[in-house]
Structures are given as structure tokens and as C-alpha cells.
N, C-alpha and C. Protein backbone atom coordinates (compact mmCIF):
# COMPACT_ATOMS: atom_id res chain seq x y z
N MET A 1 17.07 13.91 -53.56
CA MET A 1 15.73 13.98 -53.02
C MET A 1 15.76 14.19 -51.51
N ASP A 2 16.70 13.55 -50.81
CA ASP A 2 16.77 13.71 -49.36
C ASP A 2 17.02 15.16 -48.96
N GLU A 3 17.92 15.84 -49.67
CA GLU A 3 18.20 17.24 -49.34
C GLU A 3 16.97 18.11 -49.58
N ARG A 4 16.24 17.82 -50.63
CA ARG A 4 15.03 18.59 -50.92
C ARG A 4 13.98 18.35 -49.84
N LEU A 5 13.80 17.07 -49.46
CA LEU A 5 12.85 16.76 -48.38
C LEU A 5 13.26 17.44 -47.08
N ASP A 6 14.55 17.42 -46.78
CA ASP A 6 15.03 18.09 -45.56
C ASP A 6 14.68 19.57 -45.58
N ALA A 7 14.89 20.21 -46.72
CA ALA A 7 14.59 21.64 -46.84
C ALA A 7 13.09 21.90 -46.71
N ILE A 8 12.30 21.03 -47.31
CA ILE A 8 10.84 21.20 -47.24
C ILE A 8 10.35 21.02 -45.81
N PHE A 9 10.77 19.94 -45.16
CA PHE A 9 10.31 19.69 -43.79
C PHE A 9 10.84 20.75 -42.83
N SER A 10 12.04 21.22 -43.06
CA SER A 10 12.57 22.31 -42.23
C SER A 10 11.73 23.56 -42.39
N ALA A 11 11.37 23.88 -43.62
CA ALA A 11 10.53 25.06 -43.87
C ALA A 11 9.16 24.90 -43.22
N LEU A 12 8.62 23.69 -43.25
CA LEU A 12 7.30 23.44 -42.69
C LEU A 12 7.30 23.34 -41.17
N SER A 13 8.47 23.31 -40.57
CA SER A 13 8.54 23.17 -39.11
C SER A 13 8.09 24.43 -38.37
N ASP A 14 7.99 25.53 -39.07
CA ASP A 14 7.61 26.80 -38.45
C ASP A 14 6.13 27.08 -38.66
N PRO A 15 5.38 27.37 -37.59
CA PRO A 15 3.94 27.60 -37.75
C PRO A 15 3.60 28.83 -38.61
N THR A 16 4.44 29.84 -38.59
CA THR A 16 4.18 31.01 -39.43
C THR A 16 4.27 30.63 -40.90
N ARG A 17 5.27 29.85 -41.24
CA ARG A 17 5.43 29.44 -42.64
C ARG A 17 4.29 28.51 -43.07
N ARG A 18 3.84 27.64 -42.17
CA ARG A 18 2.69 26.80 -42.51
C ARG A 18 1.44 27.66 -42.73
N ALA A 19 1.27 28.69 -41.93
CA ALA A 19 0.12 29.59 -42.10
C ALA A 19 0.22 30.35 -43.42
N ILE A 20 1.42 30.74 -43.79
CA ILE A 20 1.62 31.41 -45.08
C ILE A 20 1.23 30.47 -46.22
N LEU A 21 1.65 29.21 -46.15
CA LEU A 21 1.27 28.25 -47.19
C LEU A 21 -0.23 28.05 -47.24
N ALA A 22 -0.86 27.99 -46.06
CA ALA A 22 -2.32 27.83 -46.02
C ALA A 22 -2.99 29.02 -46.72
N ARG A 23 -2.48 30.21 -46.48
CA ARG A 23 -3.03 31.39 -47.14
C ARG A 23 -2.83 31.31 -48.65
N LEU A 24 -1.64 30.89 -49.07
CA LEU A 24 -1.35 30.81 -50.51
C LEU A 24 -2.13 29.69 -51.20
N ALA A 25 -2.63 28.74 -50.44
CA ALA A 25 -3.48 27.70 -51.03
C ALA A 25 -4.77 28.30 -51.58
N ASN A 26 -5.13 29.49 -51.09
CA ASN A 26 -6.32 30.19 -51.57
C ASN A 26 -6.03 31.08 -52.77
N GLY A 27 -4.76 31.20 -53.14
CA GLY A 27 -4.40 32.04 -54.28
C GLY A 27 -3.19 32.91 -53.96
N LYS A 28 -2.66 33.53 -54.99
CA LYS A 28 -1.46 34.35 -54.85
C LYS A 28 -1.70 35.52 -53.91
N ALA A 29 -0.59 36.03 -53.32
CA ALA A 29 -0.70 37.15 -52.39
C ALA A 29 0.62 37.92 -52.36
N THR A 30 0.52 39.21 -52.11
CA THR A 30 1.72 40.04 -51.97
C THR A 30 2.31 39.87 -50.57
N VAL A 31 3.51 40.36 -50.39
CA VAL A 31 4.15 40.31 -49.07
C VAL A 31 3.29 41.04 -48.05
N ALA A 32 2.76 42.19 -48.42
CA ALA A 32 1.92 42.97 -47.50
C ALA A 32 0.68 42.17 -47.10
N GLU A 33 0.06 41.51 -48.07
CA GLU A 33 -1.13 40.70 -47.77
C GLU A 33 -0.78 39.52 -46.87
N LEU A 34 0.38 38.93 -47.10
CA LEU A 34 0.80 37.80 -46.27
C LEU A 34 1.18 38.24 -44.86
N ALA A 35 1.73 39.44 -44.73
CA ALA A 35 2.15 39.95 -43.42
C ALA A 35 0.97 40.40 -42.57
N ASP A 36 -0.12 40.77 -43.22
CA ASP A 36 -1.26 41.38 -42.52
C ASP A 36 -1.75 40.63 -41.28
N PRO A 37 -1.98 39.30 -41.33
CA PRO A 37 -2.53 38.64 -40.14
C PRO A 37 -1.52 38.40 -39.01
N PHE A 38 -0.26 38.68 -39.27
CA PHE A 38 0.79 38.41 -38.28
C PHE A 38 1.27 39.70 -37.62
N GLU A 39 1.73 39.56 -36.41
CA GLU A 39 2.34 40.71 -35.73
C GLU A 39 3.85 40.68 -36.00
N LEU A 40 4.18 40.63 -37.27
CA LEU A 40 5.58 40.59 -37.70
C LEU A 40 5.79 41.71 -38.72
N SER A 41 7.02 42.17 -38.79
CA SER A 41 7.37 43.19 -39.78
C SER A 41 7.44 42.56 -41.17
N GLN A 42 7.38 43.40 -42.18
CA GLN A 42 7.52 42.88 -43.54
C GLN A 42 8.90 42.23 -43.74
N PRO A 43 9.99 42.79 -43.17
CA PRO A 43 11.27 42.09 -43.32
C PRO A 43 11.26 40.69 -42.70
N ALA A 44 10.57 40.53 -41.57
CA ALA A 44 10.49 39.20 -40.94
C ALA A 44 9.69 38.25 -41.82
N ILE A 45 8.59 38.73 -42.38
CA ILE A 45 7.79 37.90 -43.29
C ILE A 45 8.63 37.56 -44.52
N SER A 46 9.39 38.52 -45.01
CA SER A 46 10.25 38.28 -46.18
C SER A 46 11.26 37.17 -45.91
N LYS A 47 11.77 37.11 -44.70
CA LYS A 47 12.71 36.02 -44.34
C LYS A 47 12.00 34.67 -44.40
N HIS A 48 10.77 34.62 -43.89
CA HIS A 48 9.99 33.38 -43.97
C HIS A 48 9.75 33.00 -45.42
N LEU A 49 9.42 33.99 -46.25
CA LEU A 49 9.17 33.72 -47.66
C LEU A 49 10.42 33.20 -48.36
N LYS A 50 11.57 33.72 -47.98
CA LYS A 50 12.83 33.27 -48.57
C LYS A 50 13.06 31.79 -48.26
N VAL A 51 12.80 31.40 -47.02
CA VAL A 51 12.95 29.99 -46.63
C VAL A 51 12.00 29.11 -47.46
N LEU A 52 10.75 29.56 -47.60
CA LEU A 52 9.77 28.81 -48.38
C LEU A 52 10.18 28.72 -49.85
N GLU A 53 10.72 29.81 -50.39
CA GLU A 53 11.17 29.81 -51.78
C GLU A 53 12.37 28.88 -51.96
N GLN A 54 13.32 28.91 -51.03
CA GLN A 54 14.50 28.05 -51.14
C GLN A 54 14.12 26.58 -51.04
N ALA A 55 13.06 26.28 -50.32
CA ALA A 55 12.59 24.90 -50.21
C ALA A 55 11.77 24.49 -51.43
N GLY A 56 11.45 25.45 -52.30
CA GLY A 56 10.67 25.16 -53.49
C GLY A 56 9.17 25.11 -53.25
N LEU A 57 8.73 25.58 -52.08
CA LEU A 57 7.31 25.53 -51.74
C LEU A 57 6.51 26.68 -52.35
N ILE A 58 7.18 27.80 -52.62
CA ILE A 58 6.51 28.94 -53.25
C ILE A 58 7.46 29.53 -54.29
N ARG A 59 6.89 30.41 -55.12
CA ARG A 59 7.70 31.16 -56.08
C ARG A 59 7.15 32.57 -56.18
N SER A 60 7.96 33.44 -56.72
CA SER A 60 7.54 34.83 -56.92
C SER A 60 7.00 34.99 -58.34
N GLY A 61 5.89 35.68 -58.43
CA GLY A 61 5.34 36.01 -59.73
C GLY A 61 5.69 37.45 -60.09
N ARG A 62 5.22 37.90 -61.20
CA ARG A 62 5.42 39.30 -61.62
C ARG A 62 4.11 39.83 -62.15
N GLU A 63 3.68 40.92 -61.56
CA GLU A 63 2.48 41.61 -62.03
C GLU A 63 2.71 43.10 -61.90
N ALA A 64 2.74 43.76 -63.00
CA ALA A 64 2.92 45.22 -63.03
C ALA A 64 4.01 45.64 -62.05
N ASN A 65 3.62 46.23 -60.92
CA ASN A 65 4.63 46.71 -59.97
C ASN A 65 4.66 45.89 -58.68
N SER A 66 4.16 44.66 -58.72
CA SER A 66 4.22 43.81 -57.52
C SER A 66 4.77 42.44 -57.87
N ARG A 67 5.18 41.73 -56.85
CA ARG A 67 5.71 40.37 -57.02
C ARG A 67 4.96 39.44 -56.07
N PRO A 68 3.74 39.06 -56.45
CA PRO A 68 2.98 38.18 -55.56
C PRO A 68 3.65 36.81 -55.43
N ARG A 69 3.42 36.20 -54.29
CA ARG A 69 3.95 34.85 -54.05
C ARG A 69 2.87 33.85 -54.42
N ILE A 70 3.32 32.71 -54.96
CA ILE A 70 2.42 31.69 -55.48
C ILE A 70 2.86 30.34 -54.93
N LEU A 71 1.90 29.53 -54.52
CA LEU A 71 2.19 28.19 -54.03
C LEU A 71 2.74 27.34 -55.17
N GLU A 72 3.74 26.54 -54.87
CA GLU A 72 4.37 25.67 -55.87
C GLU A 72 3.98 24.22 -55.56
N PRO A 73 3.00 23.68 -56.30
CA PRO A 73 2.46 22.36 -55.97
C PRO A 73 3.44 21.20 -56.11
N ALA A 74 4.47 21.34 -56.91
CA ALA A 74 5.42 20.23 -57.12
C ALA A 74 6.09 19.83 -55.81
N ALA A 75 6.41 20.81 -54.96
CA ALA A 75 7.05 20.50 -53.68
C ALA A 75 6.08 19.75 -52.77
N LEU A 76 4.82 20.12 -52.82
CA LEU A 76 3.83 19.42 -52.01
C LEU A 76 3.65 17.98 -52.50
N LYS A 77 3.78 17.76 -53.80
CA LYS A 77 3.71 16.41 -54.34
C LYS A 77 4.90 15.58 -53.86
N THR A 78 6.06 16.21 -53.72
CA THR A 78 7.24 15.52 -53.20
C THR A 78 6.95 14.96 -51.80
N ILE A 79 6.30 15.77 -50.97
CA ILE A 79 5.95 15.34 -49.62
C ILE A 79 4.91 14.21 -49.70
N ALA A 80 3.90 14.38 -50.52
CA ALA A 80 2.84 13.37 -50.64
C ALA A 80 3.42 12.04 -51.11
N ASP A 81 4.36 12.08 -52.04
CA ASP A 81 4.99 10.85 -52.53
C ASP A 81 5.79 10.19 -51.42
N TRP A 82 6.49 10.97 -50.63
CA TRP A 82 7.29 10.43 -49.53
C TRP A 82 6.38 9.76 -48.50
N VAL A 83 5.29 10.41 -48.16
CA VAL A 83 4.34 9.84 -47.19
C VAL A 83 3.71 8.58 -47.76
N ALA A 84 3.41 8.57 -49.05
CA ALA A 84 2.79 7.41 -49.68
C ALA A 84 3.66 6.17 -49.56
N ASP A 85 4.97 6.35 -49.59
CA ASP A 85 5.89 5.22 -49.43
C ASP A 85 5.69 4.54 -48.08
N TYR A 86 5.29 5.28 -47.09
CA TYR A 86 5.11 4.73 -45.74
C TYR A 86 3.68 4.28 -45.48
N ARG A 87 2.78 4.62 -46.34
CA ARG A 87 1.38 4.24 -46.14
C ARG A 87 1.21 2.73 -46.06
N ARG A 88 1.91 2.00 -46.90
CA ARG A 88 1.84 0.54 -46.88
C ARG A 88 2.22 0.01 -45.50
N PHE A 89 3.28 0.55 -44.93
CA PHE A 89 3.72 0.15 -43.60
C PHE A 89 2.62 0.43 -42.57
N TRP A 90 2.05 1.63 -42.64
CA TRP A 90 1.00 2.00 -41.68
C TRP A 90 -0.21 1.08 -41.84
N ASP A 91 -0.63 0.84 -43.07
CA ASP A 91 -1.78 -0.02 -43.31
C ASP A 91 -1.54 -1.42 -42.76
N GLU A 92 -0.35 -1.97 -43.02
CA GLU A 92 -0.03 -3.31 -42.52
C GLU A 92 0.01 -3.32 -40.99
N SER A 93 0.57 -2.28 -40.39
CA SER A 93 0.64 -2.20 -38.94
C SER A 93 -0.75 -2.12 -38.32
N PHE A 94 -1.62 -1.32 -38.92
CA PHE A 94 -2.98 -1.21 -38.40
C PHE A 94 -3.76 -2.50 -38.60
N ASP A 95 -3.51 -3.19 -39.70
CA ASP A 95 -4.17 -4.48 -39.92
C ASP A 95 -3.74 -5.48 -38.85
N ARG A 96 -2.45 -5.53 -38.53
CA ARG A 96 -1.96 -6.43 -37.48
C ARG A 96 -2.56 -6.06 -36.12
N LEU A 97 -2.63 -4.75 -35.84
CA LEU A 97 -3.23 -4.30 -34.59
C LEU A 97 -4.70 -4.69 -34.52
N ASP A 98 -5.39 -4.53 -35.62
CA ASP A 98 -6.81 -4.91 -35.67
C ASP A 98 -6.97 -6.40 -35.41
N ASP A 99 -6.12 -7.22 -36.03
CA ASP A 99 -6.17 -8.67 -35.81
C ASP A 99 -5.91 -9.00 -34.34
N TYR A 100 -4.91 -8.37 -33.77
CA TYR A 100 -4.57 -8.62 -32.36
C TYR A 100 -5.74 -8.22 -31.44
N LEU A 101 -6.32 -7.05 -31.67
CA LEU A 101 -7.43 -6.60 -30.83
C LEU A 101 -8.64 -7.52 -30.97
N SER A 102 -8.88 -8.02 -32.18
CA SER A 102 -9.97 -8.97 -32.38
C SER A 102 -9.75 -10.24 -31.58
N LYS A 103 -8.51 -10.72 -31.55
CA LYS A 103 -8.17 -11.92 -30.76
C LYS A 103 -8.36 -11.66 -29.27
N VAL A 104 -7.85 -10.52 -28.80
CA VAL A 104 -7.94 -10.20 -27.38
C VAL A 104 -9.40 -10.05 -26.97
N GLN A 105 -10.17 -9.38 -27.76
CA GLN A 105 -11.58 -9.20 -27.45
C GLN A 105 -12.33 -10.52 -27.52
N GLY A 106 -11.90 -11.42 -28.40
CA GLY A 106 -12.50 -12.74 -28.50
C GLY A 106 -12.24 -13.57 -27.26
N TYR A 107 -11.06 -13.41 -26.66
CA TYR A 107 -10.73 -14.16 -25.45
C TYR A 107 -11.54 -13.65 -24.26
N GLU A 108 -11.88 -12.37 -24.28
CA GLU A 108 -12.62 -11.79 -23.15
C GLU A 108 -14.07 -12.24 -23.12
N LYS A 109 -14.61 -12.66 -24.24
CA LYS A 109 -16.03 -13.03 -24.33
C LYS A 109 -16.29 -14.36 -23.74
């Protein structure tokens, strides 16, 4: 799981790849459609797509004479599960901070 998370977070570290995922959240798209909003060549976009595919974030489909890319929700669930493990820590930390601030504000009154 750690290696998969590393690959996912590495893939997500690039703003172009995050933008590609945001686009694919709206539905499948061809390489040309994905390249359109960027000032990048199709080979450069293809390299980004390869990284996303290797991380398991997207997959290639098959339609007649094209291979649209499709978002792969299982990888996103992997991230959500990892973050959920830390939510308890964050909630407890915020609760302690809230208690502390209530005490401090109580002393000021």
C-alpha cells in the first residue's frame, strides 16, 4: 500500500496532472481533448497520462479508433482511506485547541 500511495501522491504533485484528473472527473476524454487547454505537445501530455496510468489514477478505454482516458475511482478511494486514518487525529487536535482557546478566552473576561 505504501508504494501505491507514493506513486499516487507523486502523480498528484504536478499541477498539470491534477488538472487532467479534474477534467476526467467530468467524463472520459481523448489525448487531444486533454491536451487542448494546455500549451503542451501531445507527447508531453502523453507522458503525464503515463504517470497517471502507472499510479492507477486513470485507465485507457477502447472506442472504435480512439483510446479515451477514464478516471479510475479505486485509486482515489485509496487516498480517501489514507486521509480518513488521520481524521481522528485532526479532530482530537482541534478539540484540544478549542478547549484551550475557551480557557484562554475565559481568563480574559
